[in-house]
C-alpha atoms as a PDB file:
ATOM      1  CA  MET A   1      17.845 -20.877 -16.609  1.00  0.00           C
ATOM      2  CA  PRO A   2      15.137 -17.447 -15.735  1.00  0.00           C
ATOM      3  CA  ASN A   3      15.287 -15.746 -12.292  1.00  0.00           C
ATOM      4  CA  GLU A   4      15.933 -17.987  -9.793  1.00  0.00           C
ATOM      5  CA  TRP A   5      12.747 -17.693  -7.881  1.00  0.00           C
ATOM      6  CA  MET A   6      11.378 -18.793 -10.947  1.00  0.00           C
ATOM      7  CA  ARG A   7      12.092 -22.268 -10.331  1.00  0.00           C
ATOM      8  CA  GLY A   8       9.631 -24.429 -10.229  1.00  0.00           C
ATOM      9  CA  TYR A   9       6.760 -22.259 -11.145  1.00  0.00           C
ATOM     10  CA  LEU A  10       6.865 -22.416 -14.731  1.00  0.00           C
ATOM     11  CA  THR A  11       4.773 -24.950 -16.502  1.00  0.00           C
ATOM     12  CA  PHE A  12       7.012 -24.602 -19.817  1.00  0.00           C
ATOM     13  CA  ASN A  13      10.713 -24.584 -20.758  1.00  0.00           C
ATOM     14  CA  PRO A  14      11.836 -21.243 -21.028  1.00  0.00           C
ATOM     15  CA  GLU A  15      15.213 -22.886 -22.410  1.00  0.00           C
ATOM     16  CA  THR A  16      13.146 -24.675 -25.823  1.00  0.00           C
ATOM     17  CA  PHE A  17      10.446 -22.327 -26.217  1.00  0.00           C
ATOM     18  CA  LYS A  18       9.888 -20.139 -28.416  1.00  0.00           C
ATOM     19  CA  TRP A  19      10.941 -16.479 -27.561  1.00  0.00           C
ATOM     20  CA  ALA A  20       9.421 -13.473 -29.563  1.00  0.00           C
ATOM     21  CA  GLU A  21      12.291 -10.574 -31.474  1.00  0.00           C
ATOM     22  CA  TYR A  22      12.610  -7.776 -29.016  1.00  0.00           C
ATOM     23  CA  ASP A  23      12.224  -5.628 -31.755  1.00  0.00           C
ATOM     24  CA  SER A  24       9.025  -6.898 -34.115  1.00  0.00           C
ATOM     25  CA  MET A  25       7.268  -7.233 -30.066  1.00  0.00           C
ATOM     26  CA  MET A  26       9.084  -3.450 -29.681  1.00  0.00           C
ATOM     27  CA  ARG A  27       6.844  -2.283 -33.100  1.00  0.00           C
ATOM     28  CA  VAL A  28       3.707  -3.716 -31.321  1.00  0.00           C
ATOM     29  CA  ILE A  29       4.327  -1.864 -27.809  1.00  0.00           C
ATOM     30  CA  GLU A  30       5.728   1.477 -29.455  1.00  0.00           C
ATOM     31  CA  GLY A  31       2.746   1.868 -32.086  1.00  0.00           C
ATOM     32  CA  GLY A  32       0.461   0.807 -28.999  1.00  0.00           C
ATOM     33  CA  GLY A  33      -1.356  -2.439 -29.160  1.00  0.00           C
ATOM     34  CA  LYS A  34      -0.853  -5.038 -26.329  1.00  0.00           C
ATOM     35  CA  LEU A  35       0.080  -8.128 -26.316  1.00  0.00           C
ATOM     36  CA  THR A  36      -1.780 -10.769 -25.059  1.00  0.00           C
ATOM     37  CA  LYS A  37       0.271 -14.219 -25.280  1.00  0.00           C
ATOM     38  CA  ILE A  38       3.900 -15.933 -24.732  1.00  0.00           C
ATOM     39  CA  GLU A  39       4.610 -15.992 -28.044  1.00  0.00           C
ATOM     40  CA  GLN A  40       4.642 -12.812 -28.193  1.00  0.00           C
ATOM     41  CA  MET A  41       6.769 -11.729 -25.582  1.00  0.00           C
ATOM     42  CA  THR A  42      10.841 -11.269 -25.401  1.00  0.00           C
ATOM     43  CA  ARG A  43      12.357 -13.177 -22.053  1.00  0.00           C
ATOM     44  CA  GLU A  44      13.042 -10.937 -20.578  1.00  0.00           C
ATOM     45  CA  TYR A  45      10.024  -8.868 -21.202  1.00  0.00           C
ATOM     46  CA  TYR A  46       8.500 -11.775 -19.455  1.00  0.00           C
ATOM     47  CA  GLU A  47      10.355 -11.934 -16.643  1.00  0.00           C
ATOM     48  CA  ASN A  48       9.509  -8.843 -15.624  1.00  0.00           C
ATOM     49  CA  LEU A  49       5.609  -8.914 -16.407  1.00  0.00           C
ATOM     50  CA  ALA A  50       5.977 -11.786 -13.925  1.00  0.00           C
ATOM     51  CA  TYR A  51       7.676 -10.030 -11.531  1.00  0.00           C
ATOM     52  CA  LEU A  52       5.560  -7.454 -11.474  1.00  0.00           C
ATOM     53  CA  MET A  53       2.473  -9.835 -11.235  1.00  0.00           C
ATOM     54  CA  VAL A  54       3.536 -12.217  -8.596  1.00  0.00           C
ATOM     55  CA  SER A  55       4.682  -8.729  -6.588  1.00  0.00           C
ATOM     56  CA  GLN A  56       0.787  -7.315  -7.041  1.00  0.00           C
ATOM     57  CA  MET A  57      -0.407 -10.422  -6.430  1.00  0.00           C
ATOM     58  CA  ASP A  58       0.603 -10.878  -2.907  1.00  0.00           C
ATOM     59  CA  SER A  59       0.197  -7.465  -1.739  1.00  0.00           C
ATOM     60  CA  GLU A  60      -3.666  -8.519  -2.494  1.00  0.00           C
ATOM     61  CA  TYR A  61      -4.135 -11.366  -0.015  1.00  0.00           C
ATOM     62  CA  VAL A  62      -1.540  -9.935   1.853  1.00  0.00           C
ATOM     63  CA  GLY A  63      -4.082  -7.435   2.750  1.00  0.00           C
ATOM     64  CA  ALA A  64      -6.702  -9.790   2.785  1.00  0.00           C
ATOM     65  CA  TYR A  65      -5.094 -10.989   5.813  1.00  0.00           C
ATOM     66  CA  GLY A  66      -4.424  -7.848   7.135  1.00  0.00           C
ATOM     67  CA  TYR A  67      -8.028  -6.546   7.271  1.00  0.00           C
ATOM     68  CA  MET A  68      -9.831  -9.546   8.624  1.00  0.00           C
ATOM     69  CA  PRO A  69      -9.539  -8.734  12.294  1.00  0.00           C
ATOM     70  CA  ILE A  70     -10.689  -5.670  11.453  1.00  0.00           C
ATOM     71  CA  THR A  71     -14.368  -6.773  10.956  1.00  0.00           C
ATOM     72  CA  TYR A  72     -14.067  -7.875  15.038  1.00  0.00           C
ATOM     73  CA  VAL A  73     -13.615  -3.790  15.379  1.00  0.00           C
ATOM     74  CA  ALA A  74     -15.404  -2.151  13.418  1.00  0.00           C
ATOM     75  CA  PRO A  75     -18.084   0.599  15.362  1.00  0.00           C
ATOM     76  CA  ARG A  76     -21.146  -1.043  16.798  1.00  0.00           C
ATOM     77  CA  PHE A  77     -22.231   2.712  17.099  1.00  0.00           C
ATOM     78  CA  ASP A  78     -21.870   2.422  12.922  1.00  0.00           C
ATOM     79  CA  PRO A  79     -23.323  -0.614  11.464  1.00  0.00           C
ATOM     80  CA  GLU A  80     -23.155  -0.470   7.886  1.00  0.00           C
ATOM     81  CA  GLU A  81     -19.332  -1.459   8.638  1.00  0.00           C
ATOM     82  CA  LEU A  82     -20.383  -4.839   9.733  1.00  0.00           C
ATOM     83  CA  ARG A  83     -20.939  -4.739   5.953  1.00  0.00           C
ATOM     84  CA  HIS A  84     -18.271  -2.759   4.787  1.00  0.00           C
ATOM     85  CA  VAL A  85     -15.488  -4.306   6.390  1.00  0.00           C
ATOM     86  CA  PRO A  86     -15.668  -7.931   5.074  1.00  0.00           C
ATOM     87  CA  GLN A  87     -16.643  -6.449   1.180  1.00  0.00           C
ATOM     88  CA  ILE A  88     -13.124  -4.933   1.459  1.00  0.00           C
ATOM     89  CA  VAL A  89     -11.423  -8.225   2.183  1.00  0.00           C
ATOM     90  CA  HIS A  90     -13.543  -9.934   0.230  1.00  0.00           C
ATOM     91  CA  ASP A  91     -12.645  -7.676  -2.879  1.00  0.00           C
ATOM     92  CA  GLU A  92      -9.229  -8.278  -1.809  1.00  0.00           C
ATOM     93  CA  PHE A  93      -8.991 -11.963  -2.497  1.00  0.00           C
ATOM     94  CA  VAL A  94     -10.890 -10.984  -5.291  1.00  0.00           C
ATOM     95  CA  HIS A  95      -8.125  -8.441  -6.533  1.00  0.00           C
ATOM     96  CA  GLY A  96      -5.604 -11.107  -5.934  1.00  0.00           C
ATOM     97  CA  THR A  97      -7.411 -14.327  -8.097  1.00  0.00           C
ATOM     98  CA  ARG A  98      -7.527 -11.498 -10.499  1.00  0.00           C
ATOM     99  CA  ILE A  99      -4.213 -11.183 -10.912  1.00  0.00           C
ATOM    100  CA  LYS A 100      -3.631 -14.854 -10.409  1.00  0.00           C
ATOM    101  CA  ASP A 101      -5.215 -16.012 -13.548  1.00  0.00           C
ATOM    102  CA  CYS A 102      -3.043 -13.430 -15.356  1.00  0.00           C
ATOM    103  CA  LEU A 103      -0.259 -15.462 -14.343  1.00  0.00           C
ATOM    104  CA  GLU A 104      -1.675 -18.400 -15.213  1.00  0.00           C
ATOM    105  CA  LEU A 105      -2.132 -17.524 -18.584  1.00  0.00           C
ATOM    106  CA  VAL A 106       1.306 -16.830 -18.910  1.00  0.00           C
ATOM    107  CA  GLY A 107       2.446 -20.569 -18.007  1.00  0.00           C
ATOM    108  CA  PHE A 108       3.078 -19.615 -14.867  1.00  0.00           C
ATOM    109  CA  ASN A 109       1.876 -21.885 -11.810  1.00  0.00           C
ATOM    110  CA  ALA A 110      -0.365 -19.429  -9.893  1.00  0.00           C
ATOM    111  CA  ASP A 111      -0.564 -21.844  -6.957  1.00  0.00           C
ATOM    112  CA  LYS A 112       1.788 -23.276  -6.285  1.00  0.00           C
ATOM    113  CA  TRP A 113       3.479 -19.944  -5.477  1.00  0.00           C
ATOM    114  CA  ILE A 114       0.833 -19.444  -2.778  1.00  0.00           C
ATOM    115  CA  GLU A 115       0.427 -23.161  -1.761  1.00  0.00           C
ATOM    116  CA  ASP A 116       4.622 -22.624  -0.775  1.00  0.00           C
ATOM    117  CA  HIS A 117       3.668 -18.986   0.423  1.00  0.00           C
ATOM    118  CA  GLN A 118       0.787 -18.987   1.960  1.00  0.00           C
ATOM    119  CA  GLY A 119       1.774 -19.330   5.124  1.00  0.00           C
ATOM    120  CA  PHE A 120       4.214 -15.881   4.833  1.00  0.00           C
ATOM    121  CA  TYR A 121       0.550 -14.292   4.230  1.00  0.00           C
ATOM    122  CA  ASN A 122      -0.182 -13.275   7.595  1.00  0.00           C
ATOM    123  CA  PHE A 123       3.750 -12.530   8.618  1.00  0.00           C
ATOM    124  CA  ARG A 124       3.706  -9.191  10.534  1.00  0.00           C
ATOM    125  CA  LEU A 125       7.177  -7.477  12.012  1.00  0.00           C
ATOM    126  CA  GLU A 126       6.615  -6.680  15.406  1.00  0.00           C
ATOM    127  CA  SER A 127       5.408  -3.010  16.987  1.00  0.00           C
ATOM    128  CA  GLY A 128       7.505  -0.138  16.336  1.00  0.00           C
ATOM    129  CA  VAL A 129      10.503  -2.588  14.374  1.00  0.00           C
ATOM    130  CA  ILE A 130      11.405  -1.254  11.284  1.00  0.00           C
ATOM    131  CA  LEU A 131      11.344  -3.068   8.254  1.00  0.00           C
ATOM    132  CA  GLU A 132      15.802  -3.508   6.949  1.00  0.00           C
ATOM    133  CA  THR A 133      15.712  -5.900   5.035  1.00  0.00           C
ATOM    134  CA  ARG A 134      13.016  -8.707   3.912  1.00  0.00           C
ATOM    135  CA  PRO A 135      12.232 -11.495   6.114  1.00  0.00           C
ATOM    136  CA  MET A 136       9.440 -13.338   4.345  1.00  0.00           C
ATOM    137  CA  ARG A 137       9.862 -14.997   0.772  1.00  0.00           C
ATOM    138  CA  ASP A 138       6.217 -14.007  -1.047  1.00  0.00           C
ATOM    139  CA  PHE A 139       6.953 -10.369  -2.712  1.00  0.00           C
ATOM    140  CA  ARG A 140       5.085  -8.106  -0.768  1.00  0.00           C
ATOM    141  CA  VAL A 141       4.929  -3.852  -1.224  1.00  0.00           C
ATOM    142  CA  SER A 142       6.943  -3.327   1.864  1.00  0.00           C
ATOM    143  CA  ILE A 143       4.325  -1.132   3.940  1.00  0.00           C
ATOM    144  CA  PHE A 144       2.611  -4.348   4.230  1.00  0.00           C
ATOM    145  CA  TYR A 145       4.794  -5.978   6.624  1.00  0.00           C
ATOM    146  CA  TYR A 146       3.868  -3.549   9.038  1.00  0.00           C
ATOM    147  CA  PRO A 147       1.131  -4.035  11.645  1.00  0.00           C
ATOM    148  CA  ILE A 148      -2.645  -2.109  11.831  1.00  0.00           C
ATOM    149  CA  VAL A 149      -4.150  -4.216  14.460  1.00  0.00           C
ATOM    150  CA  CYS A 150      -3.313  -2.873  18.108  1.00  0.00           C
ATOM    151  CA  GLU A 151      -4.737  -6.023  20.333  1.00  0.00           C
ATOM    152  CA  GLY A 152      -6.914  -4.646  22.780  1.00  0.00           C
ATOM    153  CA  ASP A 153      -6.889  -1.433  21.160  1.00  0.00           C
ATOM    154  CA  SER A 154      -9.448  -0.971  18.644  1.00  0.00           C
ATOM    155  CA  ILE A 155      -9.520   3.223  18.722  1.00  0.00           C
ATOM    156  CA  THR A 156      -6.537   2.400  17.163  1.00  0.00           C
ATOM    157  CA  THR A 157      -6.575  -0.524  15.479  1.00  0.00           C
ATOM    158  CA  TRP A 158      -9.432   1.151  13.083  1.00  0.00           C
ATOM    159  CA  ALA A 159      -7.765   4.997  12.720  1.00  0.00           C
ATOM    160  CA  ASN A 160      -4.923   3.396  11.590  1.00  0.00           C
ATOM    161  CA  PHE A 161      -7.470   0.965   9.464  1.00  0.00           C
ATOM    162  CA  SER A 162      -8.947   4.107   8.003  1.00  0.00           C
ATOM    163  CA  ILE A 163      -5.363   6.028   7.166  1.00  0.00           C
ATOM    164  CA  PHE A 164      -4.183   2.975   5.260  1.00  0.00           C
ATOM    165  CA  GLN A 165      -6.966   3.220   3.182  1.00  0.00           C
ATOM    166  CA  PHE A 166      -6.679   7.074   2.519  1.00  0.00           C
ATOM    167  CA  LEU A 167      -2.575   7.113   2.703  1.00  0.00           C
ATOM    168  CA  GLN A 168      -2.127   3.547   1.007  1.00  0.00           C
ATOM    169  CA  ASP A 169      -4.473   2.598  -1.274  1.00  0.00           C
ATOM    170  CA  ARG A 170      -4.510   6.210  -2.416  1.00  0.00           C
ATOM    171  CA  GLY A 171      -0.707   5.424  -3.262  1.00  0.00           C
ATOM    172  CA  ALA A 172      -1.388   2.035  -4.701  1.00  0.00           C
ATOM    173  CA  GLY A 173      -4.519   3.396  -6.650  1.00  0.00           C
ATOM    174  CA  GLU A 174      -2.393   6.085  -8.648  1.00  0.00           C
ATOM    175  CA  GLN A 175       0.420   3.376  -9.297  1.00  0.00           C
ATOM    176  CA  LEU A 176      -2.882   1.285 -10.604  1.00  0.00           C
ATOM    177  CA  LYS A 177      -3.069   3.858 -12.961  1.00  0.00           C
ATOM    178  CA  ASP A 178       0.249   2.342 -14.704  1.00  0.00           C
ATOM    179  CA  ALA A 179      -0.468  -1.470 -14.791  1.00  0.00           C
ATOM    180  CA  ILE A 180      -4.242  -0.215 -16.255  1.00  0.00           C
ATOM    181  CA  ASN A 181      -2.061   1.505 -19.251  1.00  0.00           C
ATOM    182  CA  SER A 182       0.442  -1.868 -19.549  1.00  0.00           C
ATOM    183  CA  SER A 183       1.314  -3.506 -22.693  1.00  0.00           C
ATOM    184  CA  PHE A 184       0.221  -6.520 -21.186  1.00  0.00           C
ATOM    185  CA  GLU A 185      -3.750  -6.745 -22.109  1.00  0.00           C
ATOM    186  CA  PRO A 186      -5.116  -9.412 -19.460  1.00  0.00           C
ATOM    187  CA  TRP A 187      -3.303  -7.644 -16.812  1.00  0.00           C
ATOM    188  CA  SER A 188      -4.301  -4.116 -17.800  1.00  0.00           C
ATOM    189  CA  ARG A 189      -7.881  -4.549 -18.337  1.00  0.00           C
ATOM    190  CA  GLU A 190      -8.272  -6.663 -14.756  1.00  0.00           C
ATOM    191  CA  ASN A 191      -6.544  -3.839 -13.079  1.00  0.00           C
ATOM    192  CA  GLN A 192      -9.488  -1.684 -14.766  1.00  0.00           C
ATOM    193  CA  LYS A 193     -11.797  -3.635 -12.220  1.00  0.00           C
ATOM    194  CA  ILE A 194      -9.543  -4.316  -9.225  1.00  0.00           C
ATOM    195  CA  MET A 195      -9.274   0.142  -9.733  1.00  0.00           C
ATOM    196  CA  ARG A 196     -12.910   1.039  -9.206  1.00  0.00           C
ATOM    197  CA  GLU A 197     -13.161  -1.148  -5.864  1.00  0.00           C
ATOM    198  CA  GLU A 198      -9.671   0.515  -5.006  1.00  0.00           C
ATOM    199  CA  ASN A 199     -11.573   3.516  -5.495  1.00  0.00           C
ATOM    200  CA  ARG A 200     -14.125   2.757  -3.335  1.00  0.00           C
ATOM    201  CA  HIS A 201     -11.514   1.681  -0.256  1.00  0.00           C
ATOM    202  CA  ILE A 202     -10.159   5.167  -1.266  1.00  0.00           C
ATOM    203  CA  LEU A 203     -14.254   6.555  -0.560  1.00  0.00           C
ATOM    204  CA  HIS A 204     -14.033   5.094   2.416  1.00  0.00           C
ATOM    205  CA  GLY A 205     -10.643   5.753   4.161  1.00  0.00           C
ATOM    206  CA  ASP A 206     -11.742  10.104   3.397  1.00  0.00           C
ATOM    207  CA  ARG A 207     -14.928   9.468   5.123  1.00  0.00           C
ATOM    208  CA  TRP A 208     -13.247   8.165   8.027  1.00  0.00           C
ATOM    209  CA  MET A 209     -10.337  10.521   7.800  1.00  0.00           C
ATOM    210  CA  ALA A 210     -12.693  12.949   7.612  1.00  0.00           C
ATOM    211  CA  LYS A 211     -14.609  11.621  11.360  1.00  0.00           C
ATOM    212  CA  LEU A 212     -11.747  10.583  13.552  1.00  0.00           C
ATOM    213  CA  TYR A 213      -9.671  13.579  12.889  1.00  0.00           C
ATOM    214  CA  LYS A 214     -12.261  16.119  14.034  1.00  0.00           C
ATOM    215  CA  GLN A 215     -13.484  13.355  17.482  1.00  0.00           C
ATOM    216  CA  ASN A 216      -9.365  13.400  18.059  1.00  0.00           C
ATOM    217  CA  PRO A 217      -6.750  15.292  16.202  1.00  0.00           C
ATOM    218  CA  GLU A 218      -4.208  14.120  18.490  1.00  0.00           C
ATOM    219  CA  LEU A 219      -4.258  10.656  17.658  1.00  0.00           C
ATOM    220  CA  ILE A 220      -4.909  10.287  14.464  1.00  0.00           C
ATOM    221  CA  GLN A 221      -2.296  12.965  13.062  1.00  0.00           C
ATOM    222  CA  GLY A 222       0.431  10.957  15.577  1.00  0.00           C
ATOM    223  CA  LEU A 223      -0.513   7.314  13.684  1.00  0.00           C
ATOM    224  CA  PHE A 224      -0.365   9.740  10.527  1.00  0.00           C
ATOM    225  CA  ASP A 225       3.214  10.173  10.560  1.00  0.00           C
ATOM    226  CA  MET A 226       4.204   7.402  11.523  1.00  0.00           C
ATOM    227  CA  TRP A 227       2.316   5.788   8.886  1.00  0.00           C
ATOM    228  CA  TRP A 228       4.003   8.599   6.131  1.00  0.00           C
ATOM    229  CA  PRO A 229       6.577   7.565   5.716  1.00  0.00           C
ATOM    230  CA  ARG A 230       6.141   3.654   5.299  1.00  0.00           C
ATOM    231  CA  SER A 231       4.303   4.839   2.100  1.00  0.00           C
ATOM    232  CA  MET A 232       6.585   7.131   0.580  1.00  0.00           C
ATOM    233  CA  VAL A 233       9.166   4.082   0.852  1.00  0.00           C
ATOM    234  CA  THR A 234       6.188   1.981  -1.466  1.00  0.00           C
ATOM    235  CA  PHE A 235       7.561   4.851  -4.316  1.00  0.00           C
ATOM    236  CA  GLY A 236      10.595   3.263  -5.264  1.00  0.00           C
ATOM    237  CA  HIS A 237      13.600   4.236  -5.420  1.00  0.00           C
ATOM    238  CA  PRO A 238      14.503   8.375  -7.744  1.00  0.00           C
ATOM    239  CA  ALA A 239      16.821   6.443 -10.578  1.00  0.00           C
ATOM    240  CA  SER A 240      15.431   2.980 -10.256  1.00  0.00           C
ATOM    241  CA  GLU A 241      17.282   1.461 -13.423  1.00  0.00           C
ATOM    242  CA  ARG A 242      14.086  -1.839 -13.188  1.00  0.00           C
ATOM    243  CA  ASN A 243      11.278   1.512 -13.541  1.00  0.00           C
ATOM    244  CA  ASN A 244      13.094   2.343 -17.052  1.00  0.00           C
ATOM    245  CA  LEU A 245      13.558  -0.668 -17.969  1.00  0.00           C
ATOM    246  CA  TRP A 246       9.597  -1.162 -17.024  1.00  0.00           C
ATOM    247  CA  ARG A 247       8.396   1.767 -18.780  1.00  0.00           C
ATOM    248  CA  LYS A 248      11.225   0.787 -21.942  1.00  0.00           C
ATOM    249  CA  LEU A 249       8.724  -2.082 -22.744  1.00  0.00           C
ATOM    250  CA  GLY A 250       5.456  -0.240 -21.631  1.00  0.00           C
ATOM    251  CA  LEU A 251       5.121  -2.352 -18.521  1.00  0.00           C
ATOM    252  CA  LYS A 252       4.859   1.053 -17.163  1.00  0.00           C
ATOM    253  CA  ARG A 253       4.581   4.711 -17.976  1.00  0.00           C
ATOM    254  CA  ARG A 254       5.652   6.848 -16.013  1.00  0.00           C
ATOM    255  CA  THR A 255       8.625   7.396 -13.714  1.00  0.00           C
ATOM    256  CA  ASN A 256       8.736   7.269 -10.071  1.00  0.00           C
ATOM    257  CA  GLU A 257       8.951  10.733  -9.180  1.00  0.00           C
ATOM    258  CA  GLU A 258       6.133  10.766 -11.262  1.00  0.00           C
ATOM    259  CA  VAL A 259       3.998   8.553  -9.948  1.00  0.00           C
ATOM    260  CA  LEU A 260       4.888   9.825  -6.866  1.00  0.00           C
ATOM    261  CA  ARG A 261       3.609  14.050  -7.500  1.00  0.00           C
ATOM    262  CA  ASP A 262       0.685  13.002  -9.373  1.00  0.00           C
ATOM    263  CA  PHE A 263       0.054  10.988  -5.263  1.00  0.00           C
ATOM    264  CA  LEU A 264       0.953  14.001  -3.609  1.00  0.00           C
ATOM    265  CA  ASP A 265      -0.793  17.006  -5.898  1.00  0.00           C
ATOM    266  CA  GLY A 266      -3.042  14.830  -8.136  1.00  0.00           C
ATOM    267  CA  PRO A 267      -6.662  15.603  -8.332  1.00  0.00           C
ATOM    268  CA  ASN A 268      -7.538  13.090  -6.433  1.00  0.00           C
ATOM    269  CA  GLY A 269      -4.736  12.742  -4.217  1.00  0.00           C
ATOM    270  CA  ILE A 270      -3.300  13.189  -0.474  1.00  0.00           C
ATOM    271  CA  HIS A 271      -3.658  17.279  -0.603  1.00  0.00           C
ATOM    272  CA  ALA A 272      -6.658  17.541  -2.541  1.00  0.00           C
ATOM    273  CA  ALA A 273      -8.046  14.691  -0.241  1.00  0.00           C
ATOM    274  CA  ASN A 274      -6.602  15.964   3.143  1.00  0.00           C
ATOM    275  CA  GLU A 275      -8.895  19.211   2.462  1.00  0.00           C
ATOM    276  CA  ASN A 276     -11.804  17.508   4.205  1.00  0.00           C
ATOM    277  CA  VAL A 277      -9.555  16.811   6.780  1.00  0.00           C
ATOM    278  CA  GLY A 278      -7.023  19.171   8.353  1.00  0.00           C
ATOM    279  CA  LEU A 279      -3.854  17.037   8.989  1.00  0.00           C
ATOM    280  CA  LYS A 280      -0.677  18.184   8.306  1.00  0.00           C
ATOM    281  CA  ILE A 281       1.309  17.397   5.886  1.00  0.00           C
ATOM    282  CA  THR A 282       4.208  17.458   4.281  1.00  0.00           C
ATOM    283  CA  PRO A 283       4.765  20.318   1.626  1.00  0.00           C
ATOM    284  CA  THR A 284       5.157  18.273  -1.878  1.00  0.00           C
ATOM    285  CA  ASP A 285       9.233  19.384  -3.033  1.00  0.00           C
ATOM    286  CA  LEU A 286       9.871  18.909   0.733  1.00  0.00           C
ATOM    287  CA  ALA A 287       8.225  15.170   0.075  1.00  0.00           C
ATOM    288  CA  VAL A 288       9.666  14.632  -2.644  1.00  0.00           C
ATOM    289  CA  ALA A 289      13.148  15.534  -1.777  1.00  0.00           C
ATOM    290  CA  SER A 290      13.030  13.931   1.305  1.00  0.00           C
ATOM    291  CA  TRP A 291      11.802  10.291  -0.767  1.00  0.00           C
ATOM    292  CA  LYS A 292      14.537  11.340  -2.491  1.00  0.00           C
ATOM    293  CA  SER A 293      17.619  11.392   0.071  1.00  0.00           C
ATOM    294  CA  GLY A 294      16.416   8.098   1.115  1.00  0.00           C
ATOM    295  CA  TYR A 295      15.244  10.055   4.780  1.00  0.00           C
ATOM    296  CA  TYR A 296      12.042   8.156   5.016  1.00  0.00           C
ATOM    297  CA  GLU A 297      13.389   4.294   4.423  1.00  0.00           C
ATOM    298  CA  ARG A 298      15.374   5.553   7.470  1.00  0.00           C
ATOM    299  CA  GLN A 299      12.566   5.960   8.551  1.00  0.00           C
ATOM    300  CA  ALA A 300       9.977   3.857   7.999  1.00  0.00           C
END
């Protein structure tokens, strides 16, 4: 049988399917080529690719669900937000559908997966609770378990939304770069489109963070400090064996630490963006050391 989580979602029989030979597949990948269909994949490659794409699809849809209520707290003194926020929600749904189409291309019944998991997409932890175990069966990135909306508090809700874009969308964008350069061509192509739109979301967060921090630095710093460890956890583990395998298969290109350092210190990294805001942000070496120690997992 395939990985247990795939049971019932494949549109072909993996036991009788003629998988590619490992050496022939790796000649394509190591030669800089890209795979375009299942027949070029080994079973190991397929199962890891499907996991990564389902995780991305779920995160996009869960994000869209989480953003939907933000429309109701968009600042009325900035009427453009009544247009921007619904567009951002729309973008996230489109992103999920793009990845869904990639899954359908490789014989994974993404429509059935969504039907079985859609009821979970709106689940969030109660405010103040730290995630210890995955409470749902979808494959969302862990930060999407935390609520952005604060009932009856539109100012904090809007600040959470802006911080999420400034921080988490920037981190997700950094990780998208590996998917863009992945060895599966359809996934690579669709993530190029997604990246263009995510860049707009990041710019939206940057603009609002500068404005909000100037208005209320104490509130924004406190909320940022709450979201910081939650975002750090999304970069995985320092010695991830799965990441080593994904890099070997060309599904990713950088180690988790390399991605984290690029997020912190890259040309569009968090420290560069913060020059226009003024937040107090943990220096890179200390942030990386804390991430390696597991400190952020305990704080998230």
